[in-house]
Amino acid sequence: MRSFPALFVALCSVMVGQPLAIGMKVGSPITENFSVGVGGLPHGRQSYGSKTLRYTLGPTIRASLPHRLDLELDVLYRKLSYNSFSSYGQSASDAGTVSTWSNTTGNRFEMPVLLHWTPLTRISVGAGPVFSLLSGFTQRTRVIQDLVIAGYKDTFQTSSQPGELTNKVASGVSVGLAYDAGLRRLHLKPELRYSLWFSRGFQERQPVFSTPRHELEFLLGIEFGGHS
């Protein structure tokens, strides 16, 4: 993540003096935010569940460059959510079970930096690095202990550091194919975008919990400005 401020400064210097288009992107993830399932633990079991919210949105800025090139920077927001359950038996020294239920929510900000080339009048292809920032997480956990010697206990815990979250920054590359359906200086751009992640923010717990390395999303850009 240390390289991102330097990259942002370099982008700003390139964009200065160029025709700019500013707007919003809205869309929907096609792939799931998390891959979840059920697995075994020593003397117990564990399961995860997740529902992908089918929206993403955020601002976009694009600088028109020579030779049919454009430089684009987006900041796209997604809401993340998942839950887990585990139940396991204690050792022979104290018979019984300990069960936990947790619900986790947080935010993801996806920041692609794409260089677009428009070989045809309205069709463009773009590629470049992408970063994601994970923040604002809350994990609420209920723990029920039902043991012969230690007895029964029902407790609640809240944490801003989920056990599955190992790195708040992830990086990869994105490739997109877009079509400009706008008129003059108003640009309406449906786009299909693919991202390959080299690093991911969550620890994999196969086969019960992981984040996809390959992601696909549909976006609609609404921009004003730039070249007509």
Protein backbone atom coordinates (compact mmCIF):
# COMPACT_ATOMS: atom_id res chain seq x y z
CA MET A 1 0.00 0.00 0.00
CA ARG A 2 3.01 2.30 0.42
CA SER A 3 3.29 2.56 -3.37
CA PHE A 4 -0.31 3.80 -3.77
CA PRO A 5 0.32 7.43 -2.60
CA ALA A 6 3.22 7.71 -5.05
CA LEU A 7 1.04 6.25 -7.80
CA PHE A 8 -1.77 8.70 -6.95
CA VAL A 9 0.62 11.68 -7.16
CA ALA A 10 1.94 10.44 -10.50
CA LEU A 11 -1.62 10.10 -11.81
CA CYS A 12 -2.50 13.63 -10.74
CA SER A 13 0.54 15.00 -12.57
CA VAL A 14 -0.48 13.15 -15.74
CA MET A 15 -4.08 14.39 -15.52
CA VAL A 16 -3.17 18.07 -15.02
CA GLY A 17 -3.95 20.03 -18.17
CA GLN A 18 -5.85 17.17 -19.84
CA PRO A 19 -9.58 17.20 -20.69
CA LEU A 20 -11.34 15.59 -17.74
CA ALA A 21 -14.59 13.64 -17.43
CA ILE A 22 -16.09 13.28 -13.95
CA GLY A 23 -19.02 11.13 -12.89
CA MET A 24 -20.27 8.03 -11.09
CA LYS A 25 -20.18 4.30 -11.62
CA VAL A 26 -22.93 1.98 -10.39
CA GLY A 27 -23.11 -1.73 -10.91
CA SER A 28 -23.31 -5.22 -9.51
CA PRO A 29 -20.80 -7.93 -8.59
CA ILE A 30 -21.34 -11.07 -10.68
CA THR A 31 -19.13 -13.31 -8.56
CA GLU A 32 -19.73 -13.84 -4.86
CA ASN A 33 -17.87 -11.82 -2.22
CA PHE A 34 -17.08 -15.00 -0.27
CA SER A 35 -16.96 -18.73 -0.92
CA VAL A 36 -18.48 -20.50 2.12
CA GLY A 37 -19.28 -24.02 3.25
CA VAL A 38 -19.32 -26.56 6.08
CA GLY A 39 -16.31 -28.37 7.47
CA GLY A 40 -15.09 -30.44 10.36
CA LEU A 41 -13.13 -29.43 13.46
CA PRO A 42 -11.39 -31.70 16.00
CA HIS A 43 -14.35 -33.01 18.00
CA GLY A 44 -16.75 -30.62 16.25
CA ARG A 45 -17.78 -28.75 13.11
CA GLN A 46 -17.70 -25.26 11.63
CA SER A 47 -19.74 -23.52 8.96
CA TYR A 48 -19.86 -20.11 7.25
CA GLY A 49 -22.61 -18.30 5.40
CA SER A 50 -22.69 -15.14 3.29
CA LYS A 51 -25.08 -13.17 1.12
CA THR A 52 -23.54 -10.96 -1.57
CA LEU A 53 -25.26 -7.58 -1.84
CA ARG A 54 -25.60 -6.98 -5.57
CA TYR A 55 -24.52 -3.37 -5.76
CA THR A 56 -21.34 -1.35 -6.04
CA LEU A 57 -20.99 2.38 -6.63
CA GLY A 58 -18.58 5.30 -6.40
CA PRO A 59 -16.99 8.28 -8.16
CA THR A 60 -14.87 8.10 -11.30
CA ILE A 61 -12.51 10.53 -13.02
CA ARG A 62 -11.05 10.13 -16.50
CA ALA A 63 -8.39 12.13 -18.33
CA SER A 64 -8.32 12.13 -22.14
CA LEU A 65 -4.83 11.50 -23.52
CA PRO A 66 -3.41 11.49 -27.06
CA HIS A 67 -3.53 8.45 -29.34
CA ARG A 68 -7.06 7.38 -28.30
CA LEU A 69 -5.97 6.77 -24.71
CA ASP A 70 -7.72 7.63 -21.45
CA LEU A 71 -6.52 7.34 -17.86
CA GLU A 72 -9.23 6.42 -15.35
CA LEU A 73 -9.35 6.31 -11.54
CA ASP A 74 -12.36 4.85 -9.68
CA VAL A 75 -13.26 4.44 -6.01
CA LEU A 76 -15.96 1.75 -5.83
CA TYR A 77 -17.74 0.81 -2.61
CA ARG A 78 -19.17 -2.55 -1.55
CA LYS A 79 -20.78 -3.69 1.68
CA LEU A 80 -19.43 -7.02 2.97
CA SER A 81 -21.22 -9.41 5.31
CA TYR A 82 -20.75 -12.98 6.50
CA ASN A 83 -21.63 -15.19 9.47
CA SER A 84 -20.20 -18.31 11.09
CA PHE A 85 -21.11 -21.09 13.49
CA SER A 86 -18.90 -23.58 15.31
CA SER A 87 -19.53 -26.27 17.90
CA TYR A 88 -16.93 -28.52 19.47
CA GLY A 89 -16.60 -30.85 22.43
CA GLN A 90 -14.16 -30.37 25.27
CA SER A 91 -11.50 -32.77 26.47
CA ALA A 92 -12.28 -35.72 28.74
CA SER A 93 -11.39 -33.60 31.79
CA ASP A 94 -14.62 -31.63 31.36
CA ALA A 95 -17.36 -33.06 29.19
CA GLY A 96 -19.72 -30.79 27.27
CA THR A 97 -19.76 -28.43 24.30
CA VAL A 98 -18.82 -24.85 23.41
CA SER A 99 -20.80 -23.21 20.59
CA THR A 100 -20.19 -19.86 18.92
CA TRP A 101 -22.27 -17.77 16.52
CA SER A 102 -20.84 -14.64 14.89
CA ASN A 103 -21.97 -12.00 12.39
CA THR A 104 -19.46 -9.76 10.63
CA THR A 105 -20.04 -6.64 8.52
CA GLY A 106 -17.58 -4.22 6.93
CA ASN A 107 -16.71 -2.03 3.96
CA ARG A 108 -14.60 -2.55 0.88
CA PHE A 109 -13.27 0.27 -1.32
CA GLU A 110 -11.96 -0.89 -4.69
CA MET A 111 -9.56 1.52 -6.42
CA PRO A 112 -8.62 0.55 -10.00
CA VAL A 113 -6.24 2.66 -12.09
CA LEU A 114 -6.96 1.83 -15.73
CA LEU A 115 -5.40 2.91 -19.00
CA HIS A 116 -8.10 2.74 -21.70
CA TRP A 117 -7.56 2.45 -25.44
CA THR A 118 -10.40 3.11 -27.89
CA PRO A 119 -9.62 1.23 -31.13
CA LEU A 120 -13.17 1.85 -32.40
CA THR A 121 -15.36 4.93 -32.02
CA ARG A 122 -17.36 3.73 -29.02
CA ILE A 123 -15.61 0.57 -27.80
CA SER A 124 -12.68 0.72 -25.39
CA VAL A 125 -10.53 -1.77 -23.53
CA GLY A 126 -8.74 -0.92 -20.30
CA ALA A 127 -6.22 -2.52 -17.97
CA GLY A 128 -4.19 -1.58 -14.91
CA PRO A 129 -3.52 -2.19 -11.22
CA VAL A 130 -6.32 -2.39 -8.66
CA PHE A 131 -6.21 -1.99 -4.89
CA SER A 132 -8.86 -2.69 -2.28
CA LEU A 133 -9.08 -1.19 1.18
CA LEU A 134 -11.03 -3.06 3.90
CA SER A 135 -12.31 -0.93 6.79
CA GLY A 136 -15.07 -0.37 9.33
CA PHE A 137 -15.51 -4.00 10.38
CA THR A 138 -17.62 -5.15 13.32
CA GLN A 139 -17.81 -8.77 14.43
CA ARG A 140 -20.44 -9.70 17.02
CA THR A 141 -20.04 -13.13 18.60
CA ARG A 142 -22.20 -15.15 20.99
CA VAL A 143 -20.48 -17.93 22.95
CA ILE A 144 -22.42 -20.60 24.84
CA GLN A 145 -20.40 -22.83 27.15
CA ASP A 146 -22.24 -25.89 28.46
CA LEU A 147 -19.78 -27.97 30.51
CA VAL A 148 -20.19 -30.44 33.35
CA ILE A 149 -17.55 -28.95 35.67
CA ALA A 150 -17.22 -25.34 34.49
CA GLY A 151 -20.97 -25.04 34.15
CA TYR A 152 -23.15 -22.99 31.80
CA LYS A 153 -22.16 -19.58 30.50
CA ASP A 154 -23.71 -17.37 27.78
CA THR A 155 -21.58 -14.37 26.73
CA PHE A 156 -21.47 -11.78 23.93
CA GLN A 157 -18.35 -10.25 22.40
CA THR A 158 -17.83 -7.42 19.91
CA SER A 159 -14.60 -6.80 17.98
CA SER A 160 -13.40 -4.46 15.24
CA GLN A 161 -10.73 -7.00 14.24
CA PRO A 162 -12.41 -10.14 12.83
CA GLY A 163 -10.32 -13.27 13.12
CA GLU A 164 -10.60 -13.89 9.37
CA LEU A 165 -9.25 -10.43 8.42
CA THR A 166 -5.46 -10.58 8.08
CA ASN A 167 -4.65 -7.62 5.82
CA LYS A 168 -6.67 -4.46 5.24
CA VAL A 169 -5.14 -3.91 1.80
CA ALA A 170 -5.23 -6.23 -1.23
CA SER A 171 -3.85 -5.75 -4.74
CA GLY A 172 -4.27 -7.17 -8.22
CA VAL A 173 -4.94 -6.22 -11.84
CA SER A 174 -8.19 -5.35 -13.63
CA VAL A 175 -9.22 -5.60 -17.29
CA GLY A 176 -12.38 -4.03 -18.67
CA LEU A 177 -14.39 -3.82 -21.89
CA ALA A 178 -16.68 -0.77 -22.22
CA TYR A 179 -19.09 0.76 -24.73
CA ASP A 180 -19.81 4.51 -24.83
CA ALA A 181 -23.53 4.96 -25.52
CA GLY A 182 -23.58 8.69 -24.73
CA LEU A 183 -23.96 11.83 -26.81
CA ARG A 184 -21.39 14.61 -27.14
CA ARG A 185 -19.98 15.30 -23.66
CA LEU A 186 -22.40 13.04 -21.75
CA HIS A 187 -21.03 9.50 -21.60
CA LEU A 188 -23.08 6.43 -20.64
CA LYS A 189 -20.70 3.48 -20.42
CA PRO A 190 -21.80 -0.09 -19.69
CA GLU A 191 -18.72 -2.10 -18.83
CA LEU A 192 -17.75 -5.67 -18.00
CA ARG A 193 -14.71 -5.78 -15.70
CA TYR A 194 -12.54 -8.69 -14.60
CA SER A 195 -10.10 -8.55 -11.66
CA LEU A 196 -7.33 -10.98 -10.72
CA TRP A 197 -6.19 -10.59 -7.09
CA PHE A 198 -2.57 -11.35 -6.20
CA SER A 199 -3.13 -10.74 -2.49
CA ARG A 200 -6.35 -10.94 -0.49
CA GLY A 201 -7.33 -9.44 2.83
CA PHE A 202 -8.97 -12.50 4.37
CA GLN A 203 -7.39 -15.69 5.61
CA GLU A 204 -8.52 -18.79 3.73
CA ARG A 205 -10.13 -21.50 5.84
CA GLN A 206 -10.69 -24.20 3.28
CA PRO A 207 -13.18 -25.55 2.58
CA VAL A 208 -15.40 -23.35 4.75
CA PHE A 209 -14.31 -19.77 3.99
CA SER A 210 -12.34 -17.94 1.29
CA THR A 211 -12.47 -14.91 -1.01
CA PRO A 212 -12.34 -15.35 -4.79
CA ARG A 213 -9.10 -14.77 -6.65
CA HIS A 214 -11.06 -14.08 -9.85
CA GLU A 215 -13.85 -11.48 -9.77
CA LEU A 216 -16.28 -10.28 -12.42
CA GLU A 217 -18.58 -7.27 -12.18
CA PHE A 218 -20.92 -5.24 -14.37
CA LEU A 219 -20.66 -1.45 -14.20
CA LEU A 220 -22.46 1.52 -15.72
CA GLY A 221 -20.47 4.73 -15.91
CA ILE A 222 -22.26 8.10 -16.08
CA GLU A 223 -19.72 10.79 -16.93
CA PHE A 224 -19.72 14.38 -18.14
CA GLY A 225 -16.82 16.10 -19.87
CA GLY A 226 -13.73 14.90 -21.70
CA HIS A 227 -13.67 14.64 -25.46
CA SER A 228 -17.04 14.68 -27.22
